[in-house]
Amino acid sequence: MTLNVNALTIKVNALASAATWISAHTADPGTTGASEVTGGSYARQQTTWDAASGTGPVTRAGSQVTIPIPAGTTVTHIGLFTASTAGTFEGLVDTTDEVFGSGGNLLVTPTLSDG
C-alpha cells in the first residue's frame, strides 16, 4: 500500500509527539535501546521538532542537542526515547563511530522522515 502525504504526515507527527529524547549508544541498541552510554554526566537530551514538511518524503527536523559523553566512550548509534529515563525505545540511527578519549559533547540534530 502506498500512503499519501496526509498519512505520511500523521505517522511522522505521531512519532515526533511521542519520542522527544535523544540517546547515545556504544553498540547497536537493537529493538530495546540496549548499550546506552553510562557514566560521567551523560544524560539523554530533549529535542523540539519543527512542523512537518514535504510531499514525500515528509520530514520533521529536531533542534540540535548536546549530549555529554564520558571519557573513554565510543558512540556508534543515536536513539529515540519517549522519556528522559526508562521510557520506550522508538528507533535508532547507525552513525559514524565517534571516540571520546577525554570526554566531550556529542552534537546531534535529529530528523524524522517517511515516504
N, C-alpha and C. Protein backbone atom coordinates (compact mmCIF):
# COMPACT_ATOMS: atom_id res chain seq x y z
N MET A 1 0.84 -1.17 0.00
CA MET A 1 0.00 0.00 0.00
C MET A 1 0.90 1.24 0.00
N THR A 2 0.55 2.17 -0.84
CA THR A 2 1.27 3.45 -0.88
C THR A 2 0.47 4.47 -0.08
N LEU A 3 1.14 5.13 0.86
CA LEU A 3 0.48 6.14 1.68
C LEU A 3 0.57 7.51 1.01
N ASN A 4 -0.50 8.29 1.15
CA ASN A 4 -0.45 9.65 0.62
C ASN A 4 0.21 10.58 1.64
N VAL A 5 0.39 11.83 1.26
CA VAL A 5 1.08 12.79 2.11
C VAL A 5 0.38 12.95 3.45
N ASN A 6 -0.93 12.93 3.48
CA ASN A 6 -1.65 13.08 4.75
C ASN A 6 -1.30 11.94 5.70
N ALA A 7 -1.28 10.72 5.20
CA ALA A 7 -0.95 9.57 6.05
C ALA A 7 0.50 9.62 6.51
N LEU A 8 1.42 9.99 5.61
CA LEU A 8 2.83 10.11 6.00
C LEU A 8 3.00 11.16 7.08
N THR A 9 2.28 12.26 6.95
CA THR A 9 2.36 13.33 7.94
C THR A 9 1.85 12.85 9.30
N ILE A 10 0.78 12.08 9.31
CA ILE A 10 0.25 11.53 10.56
C ILE A 10 1.30 10.65 11.23
N LYS A 11 1.97 9.79 10.45
CA LYS A 11 2.99 8.90 11.01
C LYS A 11 4.15 9.69 11.62
N VAL A 12 4.66 10.65 10.86
CA VAL A 12 5.81 11.43 11.35
C VAL A 12 5.41 12.27 12.56
N ASN A 13 4.21 12.86 12.53
CA ASN A 13 3.76 13.66 13.67
C ASN A 13 3.56 12.81 14.92
N ALA A 14 3.05 11.60 14.76
CA ALA A 14 2.85 10.73 15.93
C ALA A 14 4.19 10.39 16.58
N LEU A 15 5.19 10.05 15.78
CA LEU A 15 6.50 9.73 16.34
C LEU A 15 7.12 10.96 17.00
N ALA A 16 7.00 12.12 16.37
CA ALA A 16 7.56 13.35 16.95
C ALA A 16 6.89 13.69 18.27
N SER A 17 5.60 13.42 18.39
CA SER A 17 4.90 13.70 19.64
C SER A 17 5.35 12.78 20.76
N ALA A 18 5.64 11.53 20.41
CA ALA A 18 5.99 10.54 21.43
C ALA A 18 7.47 10.54 21.80
N ALA A 19 8.33 10.67 20.80
CA ALA A 19 9.77 10.46 21.01
C ALA A 19 10.52 11.78 20.91
N THR A 20 10.80 12.37 22.06
CA THR A 20 11.50 13.66 22.07
C THR A 20 12.87 13.60 22.74
N TRP A 21 13.27 12.40 23.22
CA TRP A 21 14.53 12.27 23.95
C TRP A 21 15.55 11.55 23.10
N ILE A 22 16.73 12.15 22.94
CA ILE A 22 17.81 11.63 22.10
C ILE A 22 18.85 10.96 23.01
N SER A 23 19.23 9.73 22.64
CA SER A 23 20.20 8.96 23.42
C SER A 23 21.43 8.63 22.58
N ALA A 24 22.51 8.26 23.24
CA ALA A 24 23.74 7.82 22.57
C ALA A 24 24.03 6.39 23.01
N HIS A 25 24.60 5.59 22.08
CA HIS A 25 24.82 4.16 22.35
C HIS A 25 26.22 3.74 21.91
N THR A 26 26.76 2.76 22.61
CA THR A 26 28.12 2.27 22.34
C THR A 26 28.13 1.04 21.44
N ALA A 27 26.97 0.52 21.08
CA ALA A 27 26.81 -0.61 20.17
C ALA A 27 25.38 -0.56 19.66
N ASP A 28 25.06 -1.42 18.72
CA ASP A 28 23.71 -1.46 18.15
C ASP A 28 22.70 -1.69 19.28
N PRO A 29 21.76 -0.75 19.48
CA PRO A 29 20.79 -0.89 20.55
C PRO A 29 19.67 -1.88 20.26
N GLY A 30 19.66 -2.45 19.07
CA GLY A 30 18.63 -3.42 18.73
C GLY A 30 17.24 -2.81 18.81
N THR A 31 16.30 -3.57 19.32
CA THR A 31 14.92 -3.09 19.43
C THR A 31 14.57 -2.59 20.82
N THR A 32 15.54 -2.67 21.76
CA THR A 32 15.25 -2.34 23.16
C THR A 32 15.93 -1.07 23.67
N GLY A 33 16.90 -0.56 22.92
CA GLY A 33 17.65 0.60 23.41
C GLY A 33 18.85 0.20 24.23
N ALA A 34 19.33 -1.04 24.06
CA ALA A 34 20.49 -1.53 24.80
C ALA A 34 21.74 -0.74 24.48
N SER A 35 22.78 -0.94 25.27
CA SER A 35 24.11 -0.34 25.07
C SER A 35 24.10 1.18 25.15
N GLU A 36 23.21 1.74 25.94
CA GLU A 36 23.18 3.20 26.10
C GLU A 36 24.40 3.63 26.90
N VAL A 37 24.97 4.76 26.55
CA VAL A 37 26.11 5.32 27.26
C VAL A 37 25.75 5.48 28.74
N THR A 38 26.72 5.26 29.61
CA THR A 38 26.54 5.47 31.05
C THR A 38 27.77 6.19 31.60
N GLY A 39 27.63 6.71 32.79
CA GLY A 39 28.77 7.32 33.48
C GLY A 39 28.90 8.80 33.23
N GLY A 40 29.80 9.38 33.99
CA GLY A 40 30.05 10.82 33.87
C GLY A 40 28.77 11.61 34.02
N SER A 41 28.61 12.63 33.21
CA SER A 41 27.40 13.45 33.27
C SER A 41 26.45 13.12 32.12
N TYR A 42 26.61 11.92 31.54
CA TYR A 42 25.74 11.52 30.43
C TYR A 42 24.27 11.57 30.84
N ALA A 43 23.47 12.08 29.95
CA ALA A 43 22.01 12.07 30.11
C ALA A 43 21.39 12.27 28.73
N ARG A 44 20.26 11.61 28.51
CA ARG A 44 19.51 11.88 27.28
C ARG A 44 19.15 13.35 27.24
N GLN A 45 19.03 13.86 26.02
CA GLN A 45 18.69 15.27 25.84
C GLN A 45 17.40 15.38 25.02
N GLN A 46 16.60 16.38 25.36
CA GLN A 46 15.30 16.54 24.70
C GLN A 46 15.40 17.47 23.50
N THR A 47 14.79 17.04 22.41
CA THR A 47 14.72 17.85 21.20
C THR A 47 13.32 18.40 21.05
N THR A 48 13.20 19.45 20.26
CA THR A 48 11.91 20.04 19.89
C THR A 48 11.78 19.91 18.39
N TRP A 49 10.71 19.30 17.92
CA TRP A 49 10.53 19.05 16.49
C TRP A 49 9.85 20.21 15.79
N ASP A 50 10.37 20.58 14.61
CA ASP A 50 9.72 21.56 13.75
C ASP A 50 8.46 20.95 13.14
N ALA A 51 7.69 21.76 12.46
CA ALA A 51 6.49 21.27 11.77
C ALA A 51 6.87 20.35 10.62
N ALA A 52 5.99 19.43 10.31
CA ALA A 52 6.21 18.51 9.19
C ALA A 52 6.20 19.28 7.88
N SER A 53 7.04 18.81 6.94
CA SER A 53 7.07 19.43 5.62
C SER A 53 7.38 18.37 4.58
N GLY A 54 7.09 18.69 3.33
CA GLY A 54 7.40 17.80 2.23
C GLY A 54 6.18 17.07 1.70
N THR A 55 6.35 16.52 0.52
CA THR A 55 5.27 15.79 -0.13
C THR A 55 5.66 14.35 -0.40
N GLY A 56 6.70 13.89 0.17
CA GLY A 56 7.18 12.51 0.02
C GLY A 56 8.65 12.56 -0.35
N PRO A 57 9.53 12.45 0.61
CA PRO A 57 9.21 12.11 1.99
C PRO A 57 8.70 13.31 2.79
N VAL A 58 7.98 13.00 3.85
CA VAL A 58 7.57 14.00 4.83
C VAL A 58 8.62 13.98 5.93
N THR A 59 9.12 15.15 6.30
CA THR A 59 10.17 15.22 7.31
C THR A 59 9.81 16.20 8.43
N ARG A 60 10.46 15.99 9.57
CA ARG A 60 10.43 16.93 10.70
C ARG A 60 11.85 17.01 11.23
N ALA A 61 12.36 18.21 11.33
CA ALA A 61 13.70 18.42 11.87
C ALA A 61 13.61 18.72 13.35
N GLY A 62 14.54 18.15 14.10
CA GLY A 62 14.59 18.42 15.53
C GLY A 62 15.64 19.47 15.84
N SER A 63 15.49 20.11 16.98
CA SER A 63 16.50 21.07 17.42
C SER A 63 17.78 20.31 17.78
N GLN A 64 18.91 20.96 17.58
CA GLN A 64 20.19 20.34 17.93
C GLN A 64 20.28 20.15 19.44
N VAL A 65 20.79 19.00 19.85
CA VAL A 65 21.01 18.72 21.27
C VAL A 65 22.49 18.46 21.50
N THR A 66 22.92 18.73 22.72
CA THR A 66 24.30 18.49 23.13
C THR A 66 24.28 17.42 24.20
N ILE A 67 24.87 16.26 23.87
CA ILE A 67 24.87 15.13 24.79
C ILE A 67 26.27 15.00 25.41
N PRO A 68 26.40 15.12 26.74
CA PRO A 68 27.71 14.95 27.38
C PRO A 68 28.12 13.47 27.36
N ILE A 69 29.35 13.21 26.88
CA ILE A 69 29.85 11.84 26.74
C ILE A 69 31.09 11.69 27.62
N PRO A 70 31.13 10.65 28.47
CA PRO A 70 32.29 10.46 29.35
C PRO A 70 33.54 9.99 28.61
N ALA A 71 34.69 10.22 29.22
CA ALA A 71 35.98 9.81 28.65
C ALA A 71 35.99 8.31 28.40
N GLY A 72 36.67 7.92 27.33
CA GLY A 72 36.84 6.51 27.02
C GLY A 72 35.63 5.86 26.37
N THR A 73 34.73 6.66 25.82
CA THR A 73 33.49 6.14 25.23
C THR A 73 33.53 6.29 23.71
N THR A 74 33.08 5.26 23.00
CA THR A 74 32.90 5.35 21.55
C THR A 74 31.41 5.26 21.27
N VAL A 75 30.87 6.29 20.64
CA VAL A 75 29.45 6.33 20.30
C VAL A 75 29.28 5.78 18.88
N THR A 76 28.39 4.80 18.73
CA THR A 76 28.17 4.16 17.43
C THR A 76 26.75 4.36 16.89
N HIS A 77 25.81 4.67 17.78
CA HIS A 77 24.41 4.82 17.38
C HIS A 77 23.74 5.93 18.18
N ILE A 78 22.71 6.51 17.58
CA ILE A 78 21.87 7.51 18.24
C ILE A 78 20.47 6.91 18.33
N GLY A 79 19.79 7.12 19.46
CA GLY A 79 18.46 6.56 19.63
C GLY A 79 17.41 7.60 19.97
N LEU A 80 16.16 7.16 19.89
CA LEU A 80 14.99 7.98 20.23
C LEU A 80 14.22 7.29 21.34
N PHE A 81 13.93 8.03 22.41
CA PHE A 81 13.16 7.51 23.53
C PHE A 81 11.98 8.42 23.83
N THR A 82 11.02 7.88 24.58
CA THR A 82 9.84 8.64 24.96
C THR A 82 9.99 9.35 26.31
N ALA A 83 11.11 9.15 26.99
CA ALA A 83 11.30 9.74 28.31
C ALA A 83 12.79 9.98 28.58
N SER A 84 13.07 10.82 29.56
CA SER A 84 14.45 11.13 29.90
C SER A 84 15.16 9.95 30.56
N THR A 85 14.44 9.11 31.26
CA THR A 85 14.95 7.85 31.79
C THR A 85 13.87 6.81 31.57
N ALA A 86 14.27 5.56 31.47
CA ALA A 86 13.33 4.47 31.15
C ALA A 86 12.60 4.82 29.86
N GLY A 87 11.28 4.81 29.85
CA GLY A 87 10.53 5.13 28.65
C GLY A 87 10.60 4.02 27.61
N THR A 88 10.08 4.30 26.43
CA THR A 88 10.04 3.34 25.34
C THR A 88 11.05 3.74 24.27
N PHE A 89 11.84 2.79 23.84
CA PHE A 89 12.80 3.00 22.76
C PHE A 89 12.04 2.93 21.44
N GLU A 90 12.21 3.97 20.60
CA GLU A 90 11.43 4.05 19.36
C GLU A 90 12.24 3.84 18.09
N GLY A 91 13.56 3.85 18.16
CA GLY A 91 14.33 3.65 16.95
C GLY A 91 15.75 4.16 17.08
N LEU A 92 16.53 3.93 16.01
CA LEU A 92 17.95 4.25 16.06
C LEU A 92 18.47 4.72 14.71
N VAL A 93 19.64 5.34 14.76
CA VAL A 93 20.41 5.69 13.58
C VAL A 93 21.82 5.18 13.82
N ASP A 94 22.34 4.43 12.86
CA ASP A 94 23.73 3.96 12.91
C ASP A 94 24.59 5.10 12.40
N THR A 95 25.45 5.63 13.26
CA THR A 95 26.26 6.79 12.88
C THR A 95 27.73 6.38 12.70
N THR A 96 28.51 7.28 12.16
CA THR A 96 29.95 7.07 12.09
C THR A 96 30.47 7.04 13.53
N ASP A 97 31.26 6.03 13.86
CA ASP A 97 31.78 5.91 15.22
C ASP A 97 32.55 7.17 15.61
N GLU A 98 32.28 7.66 16.81
CA GLU A 98 32.98 8.82 17.33
C GLU A 98 33.58 8.47 18.69
N VAL A 99 34.91 8.60 18.80
CA VAL A 99 35.64 8.24 20.00
C VAL A 99 35.84 9.48 20.87
N PHE A 100 35.50 9.36 22.15
CA PHE A 100 35.67 10.44 23.10
C PHE A 100 36.74 10.01 24.10
N GLY A 101 38.01 10.14 23.71
CA GLY A 101 39.13 9.74 24.56
C GLY A 101 39.16 10.47 25.88
N SER A 102 38.91 11.78 25.84
CA SER A 102 38.94 12.56 27.06
C SER A 102 37.57 13.10 27.43
N GLY A 103 36.53 12.55 26.84
CA GLY A 103 35.18 13.04 27.11
C GLY A 103 34.88 14.26 26.27
N GLY A 104 33.65 14.66 26.26
CA GLY A 104 33.26 15.83 25.49
C GLY A 104 31.77 15.83 25.22
N ASN A 105 31.39 16.60 24.22
CA ASN A 105 29.98 16.75 23.88
C ASN A 105 29.71 16.23 22.48
N LEU A 106 28.65 15.46 22.34
CA LEU A 106 28.19 14.97 21.05
C LEU A 106 27.04 15.86 20.61
N LEU A 107 27.18 16.50 19.46
CA LEU A 107 26.12 17.35 18.92
C LEU A 107 25.28 16.53 17.95
N VAL A 108 23.96 16.52 18.16
CA VAL A 108 23.05 15.75 17.33
C VAL A 108 21.91 16.64 16.89
N THR A 109 21.64 16.66 15.58
CA THR A 109 20.47 17.34 15.03
C THR A 109 19.61 16.26 14.38
N PRO A 110 18.58 15.78 15.10
CA PRO A 110 17.80 14.66 14.59
C PRO A 110 16.82 15.07 13.50
N THR A 111 16.47 14.12 12.64
CA THR A 111 15.47 14.31 11.59
C THR A 111 14.61 13.06 11.51
N LEU A 112 13.31 13.26 11.42
CA LEU A 112 12.38 12.16 11.15
C LEU A 112 11.94 12.28 9.70
N SER A 113 11.82 11.15 9.04
CA SER A 113 11.42 11.17 7.63
C SER A 113 10.69 9.89 7.28
N ASP A 114 9.64 10.01 6.47
CA ASP A 114 8.92 8.82 5.98
C ASP A 114 8.38 9.10 4.60
N GLY A 115 8.49 8.11 3.75
CA GLY A 115 7.93 8.22 2.41
C GLY A 115 8.96 8.29 1.39
